[in-house]
């Protein structure tokens, strides 16, 4: 939720490269299930990969949800870092 740039301002711009969190993080994130658009189990196979941001959406409260190029599903900001 706006780690450094604040609410409703994307941490990662469209076209930028991001790294998906490692599998252990994703498994814990999936188990916690506390965010909008929870991960699907098949997304765990993409742990650690680098991908480009295709789009970003915001939910009320500032949750940032990303779609990545050539990677299925949607990704919460917490599951991504700058590549």
PDB file of N, CA and C in Angstrom:
ATOM      1  N   UNK A   1       0.819  -1.182   0.000  1.00  0.00           N
ATOM      2  CA  UNK A   1       0.000   0.000   0.000  1.00  0.00           C
ATOM      3  C   UNK A   1       0.867   1.251   0.000  1.00  0.00           C
ATOM      4  N   UNK A   2       1.368   1.607  -1.146  1.00  0.00           N
ATOM      5  CA  UNK A   2       2.114   2.832  -1.246  1.00  0.00           C
ATOM      6  C   UNK A   2       3.375   2.835  -0.406  1.00  0.00           C
ATOM      7  N   UNK A   3       4.214   1.814  -0.567  1.00  0.00           N
ATOM      8  CA  UNK A   3       5.422   1.674   0.246  1.00  0.00           C
ATOM      9  C   UNK A   3       6.220   2.978   0.335  1.00  0.00           C
ATOM     10  N   UNK A   4       6.503   3.582  -0.798  1.00  0.00           N
ATOM     11  CA  UNK A   4       7.328   4.791  -0.793  1.00  0.00           C
ATOM     12  C   UNK A   4       6.666   5.984  -1.451  1.00  0.00           C
ATOM     13  N   UNK A   5       5.730   5.764  -2.339  1.00  0.00           N
ATOM     14  CA  UNK A   5       5.153   6.866  -3.110  1.00  0.00           C
ATOM     15  C   UNK A   5       3.794   7.323  -2.597  1.00  0.00           C
ATOM     16  N   UNK A   6       3.231   6.613  -1.639  1.00  0.00           N
ATOM     17  CA  UNK A   6       1.948   7.011  -1.077  1.00  0.00           C
ATOM     18  C   UNK A   6       0.773   6.351  -1.774  1.00  0.00           C
ATOM     19  N   UNK A   7      -0.418   6.637  -1.238  1.00  0.00           N
ATOM     20  CA  UNK A   7      -1.640   6.022  -1.747  1.00  0.00           C
ATOM     21  C   UNK A   7      -1.955   6.449  -3.175  1.00  0.00           C
ATOM     22  N   UNK A   8      -2.447   5.488  -3.938  1.00  0.00           N
ATOM     23  CA  UNK A   8      -2.904   5.705  -5.319  1.00  0.00           C
ATOM     24  C   UNK A   8      -1.821   6.241  -6.243  1.00  0.00           C
ATOM     25  N   UNK A   9      -0.575   5.959  -5.916  1.00  0.00           N
ATOM     26  CA  UNK A   9       0.561   6.253  -6.789  1.00  0.00           C
ATOM     27  C   UNK A   9       1.339   4.950  -6.908  1.00  0.00           C
ATOM     28  N   UNK A  10       1.455   4.417  -8.110  1.00  0.00           N
ATOM     29  CA  UNK A  10       2.073   3.091  -8.244  1.00  0.00           C
ATOM     30  C   UNK A  10       3.541   3.060  -7.841  1.00  0.00           C
ATOM     31  N   UNK A  11       3.896   2.030  -7.102  1.00  0.00           N
ATOM     32  CA  UNK A  11       5.303   1.796  -6.777  1.00  0.00           C
ATOM     33  C   UNK A  11       6.085   1.472  -8.041  1.00  0.00           C
ATOM     34  N   UNK A  12       5.422   0.766  -8.956  1.00  0.00           N
ATOM     35  CA  UNK A  12       6.071   0.297 -10.181  1.00  0.00           C
ATOM     36  C   UNK A  12       5.258   0.790 -11.370  1.00  0.00           C
ATOM     37  N   UNK A  13       5.867   1.579 -12.223  1.00  0.00           N
ATOM     38  CA  UNK A  13       5.194   2.145 -13.391  1.00  0.00           C
ATOM     39  C   UNK A  13       4.970   1.076 -14.460  1.00  0.00           C
ATOM     40  N   UNK A  14       3.966   1.275 -15.286  1.00  0.00           N
ATOM     41  CA  UNK A  14       3.727   0.388 -16.426  1.00  0.00           C
ATOM     42  C   UNK A  14       4.995   0.377 -17.280  1.00  0.00           C
ATOM     43  N   UNK A  15       5.429  -0.832 -17.656  1.00  0.00           N
ATOM     44  CA  UNK A  15       6.634  -0.996 -18.462  1.00  0.00           C
ATOM     45  C   UNK A  15       7.892  -1.245 -17.645  1.00  0.00           C
ATOM     46  N   UNK A  16       7.847  -1.003 -16.337  1.00  0.00           N
ATOM     47  CA  UNK A  16       9.032  -1.245 -15.518  1.00  0.00           C
ATOM     48  C   UNK A  16       9.147  -2.731 -15.191  1.00  0.00           C
ATOM     49  N   UNK A  17      10.369  -3.154 -14.872  1.00  0.00           N
ATOM     50  CA  UNK A  17      10.599  -4.554 -14.525  1.00  0.00           C
ATOM     51  C   UNK A  17      10.524  -4.738 -13.017  1.00  0.00           C
ATOM     52  N   UNK A  18       9.883  -5.826 -12.626  1.00  0.00           N
ATOM     53  CA  UNK A  18       9.748  -6.174 -11.211  1.00  0.00           C
ATOM     54  C   UNK A  18      10.177  -7.628 -11.011  1.00  0.00           C
ATOM     55  N   UNK A  19      10.562  -7.920  -9.794  1.00  0.00           N
ATOM     56  CA  UNK A  19      10.872  -9.299  -9.425  1.00  0.00           C
ATOM     57  C   UNK A  19       9.753  -9.793  -8.519  1.00  0.00           C
ATOM     58  N   UNK A  20       9.239 -10.951  -8.846  1.00  0.00           N
ATOM     59  CA  UNK A  20       8.218 -11.592  -8.020  1.00  0.00           C
ATOM     60  C   UNK A  20       8.912 -12.186  -6.789  1.00  0.00           C
ATOM     61  N   UNK A  21       8.285 -12.079  -5.648  1.00  0.00           N
ATOM     62  CA  UNK A  21       8.858 -12.581  -4.396  1.00  0.00           C
ATOM     63  C   UNK A  21       9.180 -14.076  -4.482  1.00  0.00           C
ATOM     64  N   UNK A  22       9.999 -14.536  -3.545  1.00  0.00           N
ATOM     65  CA  UNK A  22      10.358 -15.957  -3.531  1.00  0.00           C
ATOM     66  C   UNK A  22       9.159 -16.810  -3.111  1.00  0.00           C
ATOM     67  N   UNK A  23       9.294 -18.101  -3.346  1.00  0.00           N
ATOM     68  CA  UNK A  23       8.175 -19.026  -3.121  1.00  0.00           C
ATOM     69  C   UNK A  23       7.700 -19.030  -1.663  1.00  0.00           C
ATOM     70  N   UNK A  24       8.624 -19.001  -0.721  1.00  0.00           N
ATOM     71  CA  UNK A  24       8.234 -19.019   0.690  1.00  0.00           C
ATOM     72  C   UNK A  24       7.362 -17.808   1.023  1.00  0.00           C
ATOM     73  N   UNK A  25       7.738 -16.635   0.524  1.00  0.00           N
ATOM     74  CA  UNK A  25       6.931 -15.436   0.758  1.00  0.00           C
ATOM     75  C   UNK A  25       5.548 -15.605   0.146  1.00  0.00           C
ATOM     76  N   UNK A  26       5.504 -16.074  -1.114  1.00  0.00           N
ATOM     77  CA  UNK A  26       4.219 -16.226  -1.794  1.00  0.00           C
ATOM     78  C   UNK A  26       3.322 -17.236  -1.080  1.00  0.00           C
ATOM     79  N   UNK A  27       3.901 -18.323  -0.590  1.00  0.00           N
ATOM     80  CA  UNK A  27       3.109 -19.314   0.141  1.00  0.00           C
ATOM     81  C   UNK A  27       2.511 -18.705   1.408  1.00  0.00           C
ATOM     82  N   UNK A  28       3.303 -17.930   2.145  1.00  0.00           N
ATOM     83  CA  UNK A  28       2.801 -17.266   3.349  1.00  0.00           C
ATOM     84  C   UNK A  28       1.728 -16.243   3.000  1.00  0.00           C
ATOM     85  N   UNK A  29       1.940 -15.510   1.924  1.00  0.00           N
ATOM     86  CA  UNK A  29       0.988 -14.500   1.476  1.00  0.00           C
ATOM     87  C   UNK A  29      -0.339 -15.166   1.105  1.00  0.00           C
ATOM     88  N   UNK A  30      -0.259 -16.265   0.389  1.00  0.00           N
ATOM     89  CA  UNK A  30      -1.456 -16.999  -0.021  1.00  0.00           C
ATOM     90  C   UNK A  30      -2.201 -17.532   1.200  1.00  0.00           C
ATOM     91  N   UNK A  31      -1.474 -18.065   2.147  1.00  0.00           N
ATOM     92  CA  UNK A  31      -2.079 -18.620   3.352  1.00  0.00           C
ATOM     93  C   UNK A  31      -2.763 -17.535   4.192  1.00  0.00           C
ATOM     94  N   UNK A  32      -2.145 -16.360   4.275  1.00  0.00           N
ATOM     95  CA  UNK A  32      -2.703 -15.265   5.079  1.00  0.00           C
ATOM     96  C   UNK A  32      -4.029 -14.772   4.497  1.00  0.00           C
ATOM     97  N   UNK A  33      -4.117 -14.691   3.158  1.00  0.00           N
ATOM     98  CA  UNK A  33      -5.354 -14.323   2.486  1.00  0.00           C
ATOM     99  C   UNK A  33      -6.007 -13.053   2.981  1.00  0.00           C
ATOM    100  N   UNK A  34      -5.229 -12.020   3.206  1.00  0.00           N
ATOM    101  CA  UNK A  34      -5.781 -10.802   3.794  1.00  0.00           C
ATOM    102  C   UNK A  34      -5.949  -9.637   2.823  1.00  0.00           C
ATOM    103  N   UNK A  35      -5.703  -9.847   1.553  1.00  0.00           N
ATOM    104  CA  UNK A  35      -5.763  -8.756   0.585  1.00  0.00           C
ATOM    105  C   UNK A  35      -6.811  -9.018  -0.492  1.00  0.00           C
ATOM    106  N   UNK A  36      -7.142  -7.957  -1.246  1.00  0.00           N
ATOM    107  CA  UNK A  36      -7.981  -8.109  -2.432  1.00  0.00           C
ATOM    108  C   UNK A  36      -7.253  -8.998  -3.442  1.00  0.00           C
ATOM    109  N   UNK A  37      -7.987  -9.640  -4.289  1.00  0.00           N
ATOM    110  CA  UNK A  37      -7.415 -10.450  -5.361  1.00  0.00           C
ATOM    111  C   UNK A  37      -6.307 -11.371  -4.860  1.00  0.00           C
ATOM    112  N   UNK A  38      -6.690 -12.332  -4.063  1.00  0.00           N
ATOM    113  CA  UNK A  38      -5.711 -13.265  -3.521  1.00  0.00           C
ATOM    114  C   UNK A  38      -5.000 -14.025  -4.634  1.00  0.00           C
ATOM    115  N   UNK A  39      -3.801 -14.487  -4.335  1.00  0.00           N
ATOM    116  CA  UNK A  39      -3.038 -15.282  -5.293  1.00  0.00           C
ATOM    117  C   UNK A  39      -3.746 -16.611  -5.554  1.00  0.00           C
ATOM    118  N   UNK A  40      -3.517 -17.133  -6.744  1.00  0.00           N
ATOM    119  CA  UNK A  40      -3.966 -18.480  -7.084  1.00  0.00           C
ATOM    120  C   UNK A  40      -2.753 -19.400  -6.926  1.00  0.00           C
ATOM    121  N   UNK A  41      -2.967 -20.640  -6.579  1.00  0.00           N
ATOM    122  CA  UNK A  41      -1.850 -21.550  -6.313  1.00  0.00           C
ATOM    123  C   UNK A  41      -0.892 -21.689  -7.496  1.00  0.00           C
ATOM    124  N   UNK A  42      -1.401 -21.599  -8.734  1.00  0.00           N
ATOM    125  CA  UNK A  42      -0.509 -21.734  -9.895  1.00  0.00           C
ATOM    126  C   UNK A  42       0.470 -20.559 -10.026  1.00  0.00           C
ATOM    127  N   UNK A  43       0.177 -19.446  -9.362  1.00  0.00           N
ATOM    128  CA  UNK A  43       1.088 -18.308  -9.417  1.00  0.00           C
ATOM    129  C   UNK A  43       2.386 -18.576  -8.654  1.00  0.00           C
ATOM    130  N   UNK A  44       2.374 -19.528  -7.748  1.00  0.00           N
ATOM    131  CA  UNK A  44       3.581 -19.852  -6.989  1.00  0.00           C
ATOM    132  C   UNK A  44       4.720 -20.296  -7.898  1.00  0.00           C
ATOM    133  N   UNK A  45       4.385 -20.852  -9.049  1.00  0.00           N
ATOM    134  CA  UNK A  45       5.412 -21.309  -9.995  1.00  0.00           C
ATOM    135  C   UNK A  45       6.218 -20.157 -10.589  1.00  0.00           C
ATOM    136  N   UNK A  46       5.772 -18.927 -10.404  1.00  0.00           N
ATOM    137  CA  UNK A  46       6.458 -17.759 -10.963  1.00  0.00           C
ATOM    138  C   UNK A  46       7.333 -17.057  -9.933  1.00  0.00           C
ATOM    139  N   UNK A  47       7.505 -17.654  -8.777  1.00  0.00           N
ATOM    140  CA  UNK A  47       8.333 -17.079  -7.714  1.00  0.00           C
ATOM    141  C   UNK A  47       9.734 -16.777  -8.233  1.00  0.00           C
ATOM    142  N   UNK A  48      10.232 -15.587  -7.884  1.00  0.00           N
ATOM    143  CA  UNK A  48      11.597 -15.195  -8.236  1.00  0.00           C
ATOM    144  C   UNK A  48      11.796 -14.702  -9.652  1.00  0.00           C
ATOM    145  N   UNK A  49      10.789 -14.782 -10.474  1.00  0.00           N
ATOM    146  CA  UNK A  49      10.939 -14.359 -11.878  1.00  0.00           C
ATOM    147  C   UNK A  49      10.872 -12.842 -12.020  1.00  0.00           C
ATOM    148  N   UNK A  50      11.437 -12.375 -13.109  1.00  0.00           N
ATOM    149  CA  UNK A  50      11.379 -10.956 -13.460  1.00  0.00           C
ATOM    150  C   UNK A  50      10.362 -10.799 -14.578  1.00  0.00           C
ATOM    151  N   UNK A  51       9.534  -9.771 -14.468  1.00  0.00           N
ATOM    152  CA  UNK A  51       8.503  -9.514 -15.475  1.00  0.00           C
ATOM    153  C   UNK A  51       8.275  -8.018 -15.595  1.00  0.00           C
ATOM    154  N   UNK A  52       7.640  -7.615 -16.690  1.00  0.00           N
ATOM    155  CA  UNK A  52       7.287  -6.209 -16.901  1.00  0.00           C
ATOM    156  C   UNK A  52       5.861  -5.954 -16.450  1.00  0.00           C
ATOM    157  N   UNK A  53       5.657  -4.776 -15.868  1.00  0.00           N
ATOM    158  CA  UNK A  53       4.328  -4.366 -15.432  1.00  0.00           C
ATOM    159  C   UNK A  53       3.495  -4.025 -16.663  1.00  0.00           C
ATOM    160  N   UNK A  54       2.348  -4.666 -16.769  1.00  0.00           N
ATOM    161  CA  UNK A  54       1.417  -4.417 -17.874  1.00  0.00           C
ATOM    162  C   UNK A  54       0.380  -3.369 -17.477  1.00  0.00           C
ATOM    163  N   UNK A  55      -0.130  -3.457 -16.240  1.00  0.00           N
ATOM    164  CA  UNK A  55      -1.115  -2.486 -15.764  1.00  0.00           C
ATOM    165  C   UNK A  55      -1.124  -2.481 -14.241  1.00  0.00           C
ATOM    166  N   UNK A  56      -1.702  -1.413 -13.688  1.00  0.00           N
ATOM    167  CA  UNK A  56      -1.859  -1.302 -12.237  1.00  0.00           C
ATOM    168  C   UNK A  56      -3.239  -0.730 -11.942  1.00  0.00           C
ATOM    169  N   UNK A  57      -3.870  -1.256 -10.898  1.00  0.00           N
ATOM    170  CA  UNK A  57      -5.167  -0.771 -10.439  1.00  0.00           C
ATOM    171  C   UNK A  57      -5.069  -0.513  -8.951  1.00  0.00           C
ATOM    172  N   UNK A  58      -5.972   0.308  -8.445  1.00  0.00           N
ATOM    173  CA  UNK A  58      -5.985   0.637  -7.025  1.00  0.00           C
ATOM    174  C   UNK A  58      -7.335   0.288  -6.424  1.00  0.00           C
ATOM    175  N   UNK A  59      -7.305  -0.294  -5.238  1.00  0.00           N
ATOM    176  CA  UNK A  59      -8.521  -0.561  -4.492  1.00  0.00           C
ATOM    177  C   UNK A  59      -8.656   0.490  -3.410  1.00  0.00           C
ATOM    178  N   UNK A  60      -9.891   0.688  -2.947  1.00  0.00           N
ATOM    179  CA  UNK A  60     -10.132   1.620  -1.848  1.00  0.00           C
ATOM    180  C   UNK A  60      -9.214   1.246  -0.686  1.00  0.00           C
ATOM    181  N   UNK A  61      -8.527   2.202  -0.156  1.00  0.00           N
ATOM    182  CA  UNK A  61      -7.575   1.937   0.918  1.00  0.00           C
ATOM    183  C   UNK A  61      -6.150   1.913   0.416  1.00  0.00           C
ATOM    184  N   UNK A  62      -5.972   1.949  -0.910  1.00  0.00           N
ATOM    185  CA  UNK A  62      -4.640   2.077  -1.471  1.00  0.00           C
ATOM    186  C   UNK A  62      -3.971   0.804  -1.931  1.00  0.00           C
ATOM    187  N   UNK A  63      -4.622  -0.364  -1.810  1.00  0.00           N
ATOM    188  CA  UNK A  63      -3.983  -1.589  -2.303  1.00  0.00           C
ATOM    189  C   UNK A  63      -3.680  -1.456  -3.788  1.00  0.00           C
ATOM    190  N   UNK A  64      -2.434  -1.760  -4.149  1.00  0.00           N
ATOM    191  CA  UNK A  64      -2.016  -1.732  -5.551  1.00  0.00           C
ATOM    192  C   UNK A  64      -2.022  -3.154  -6.095  1.00  0.00           C
ATOM    193  N   UNK A  65      -2.721  -3.343  -7.193  1.00  0.00           N
ATOM    194  CA  UNK A  65      -2.832  -4.658  -7.822  1.00  0.00           C
ATOM    195  C   UNK A  65      -2.247  -4.560  -9.227  1.00  0.00           C
ATOM    196  N   UNK A  66      -1.278  -5.400  -9.525  1.00  0.00           N
ATOM    197  CA  UNK A  66      -0.552  -5.348 -10.792  1.00  0.00           C
ATOM    198  C   UNK A  66      -0.869  -6.551 -11.679  1.00  0.00           C
ATOM    199  N   UNK A  67      -0.908  -6.285 -12.975  1.00  0.00           N
ATOM    200  CA  UNK A  67      -0.933  -7.329 -13.989  1.00  0.00           C
ATOM    201  C   UNK A  67       0.429  -7.280 -14.659  1.00  0.00           C
ATOM    202  N   UNK A  68       1.027  -8.456 -14.864  1.00  0.00           N
ATOM    203  CA  UNK A  68       2.365  -8.537 -15.446  1.00  0.00           C
ATOM    204  C   UNK A  68       2.300  -9.181 -16.820  1.00  0.00           C
ATOM    205  N   UNK A  69       3.217  -8.766 -17.701  1.00  0.00           N
ATOM    206  CA  UNK A  69       3.273  -9.336 -19.045  1.00  0.00           C
ATOM    207  C   UNK A  69       3.718 -10.795 -18.973  1.00  0.00           C
ATOM    208  N   UNK A  70       3.017 -11.654 -19.682  1.00  0.00           N
ATOM    209  CA  UNK A  70       3.357 -13.072 -19.817  1.00  0.00           C
ATOM    210  C   UNK A  70       3.398 -13.833 -18.491  1.00  0.00           C
ATOM    211  N   UNK A  71       2.697 -13.323 -17.481  1.00  0.00           N
ATOM    212  CA  UNK A  71       2.605 -13.989 -16.190  1.00  0.00           C
ATOM    213  C   UNK A  71       1.128 -13.973 -15.792  1.00  0.00           C
ATOM    214  N   UNK A  72       0.553 -15.120 -15.463  1.00  0.00           N
ATOM    215  CA  UNK A  72      -0.883 -15.158 -15.156  1.00  0.00           C
ATOM    216  C   UNK A  72      -1.231 -14.508 -13.816  1.00  0.00           C
ATOM    217  N   UNK A  73      -2.490 -14.142 -13.702  1.00  0.00           N
ATOM    218  CA  UNK A  73      -3.027 -13.643 -12.448  1.00  0.00           C
ATOM    219  C   UNK A  73      -2.736 -12.178 -12.204  1.00  0.00           C
ATOM    220  N   UNK A  74      -3.141 -11.742 -11.039  1.00  0.00           N
ATOM    221  CA  UNK A  74      -2.860 -10.387 -10.592  1.00  0.00           C
ATOM    222  C   UNK A  74      -1.967 -10.482  -9.363  1.00  0.00           C
ATOM    223  N   UNK A  75      -1.197  -9.440  -9.139  1.00  0.00           N
ATOM    224  CA  UNK A  75      -0.163  -9.455  -8.113  1.00  0.00           C
ATOM    225  C   UNK A  75      -0.287  -8.240  -7.207  1.00  0.00           C
ATOM    226  N   UNK A  76      -0.288  -8.478  -5.924  1.00  0.00           N
ATOM    227  CA  UNK A  76      -0.322  -7.396  -4.958  1.00  0.00           C
ATOM    228  C   UNK A  76       1.072  -6.780  -4.854  1.00  0.00           C
ATOM    229  N   UNK A  77       1.114  -5.495  -4.582  1.00  0.00           N
ATOM    230  CA  UNK A  77       2.370  -4.765  -4.432  1.00  0.00           C
ATOM    231  C   UNK A  77       3.344  -5.485  -3.501  1.00  0.00           C
ATOM    232  N   UNK A  78       2.832  -6.068  -2.439  1.00  0.00           N
ATOM    233  CA  UNK A  78       3.690  -6.725  -1.442  1.00  0.00           C
ATOM    234  C   UNK A  78       4.462  -7.915  -2.021  1.00  0.00           C
ATOM    235  N   UNK A  79       3.996  -8.454  -3.145  1.00  0.00           N
ATOM    236  CA  UNK A  79       4.626  -9.624  -3.749  1.00  0.00           C
ATOM    237  C   UNK A  79       5.681  -9.250  -4.787  1.00  0.00           C
ATOM    238  N   UNK A  80       5.929  -7.964  -4.961  1.00  0.00           N
ATOM    239  CA  UNK A  80       6.833  -7.493  -6.003  1.00  0.00           C
ATOM    240  C   UNK A  80       7.903  -6.593  -5.421  1.00  0.00           C
ATOM    241  N   UNK A  81       9.046  -6.549  -6.123  1.00  0.00           N
ATOM    242  CA  UNK A  81      10.104  -5.590  -5.785  1.00  0.00           C
ATOM    243  C   UNK A  81      10.726  -5.133  -7.098  1.00  0.00           C
ATOM    244  N   UNK A  82      11.474  -4.042  -7.044  1.00  0.00           N
ATOM    245  CA  UNK A  82      12.138  -3.544  -8.245  1.00  0.00           C
ATOM    246  C   UNK A  82      13.177  -4.575  -8.697  1.00  0.00           C
ATOM    247  N   UNK A  83      13.250  -4.797 -10.005  1.00  0.00           N
ATOM    248  CA  UNK A  83      14.201  -5.780 -10.534  1.00  0.00           C
ATOM    249  C   UNK A  83      15.581  -5.164 -10.715  1.00  0.00           C
TER     250      UNK A  83
END
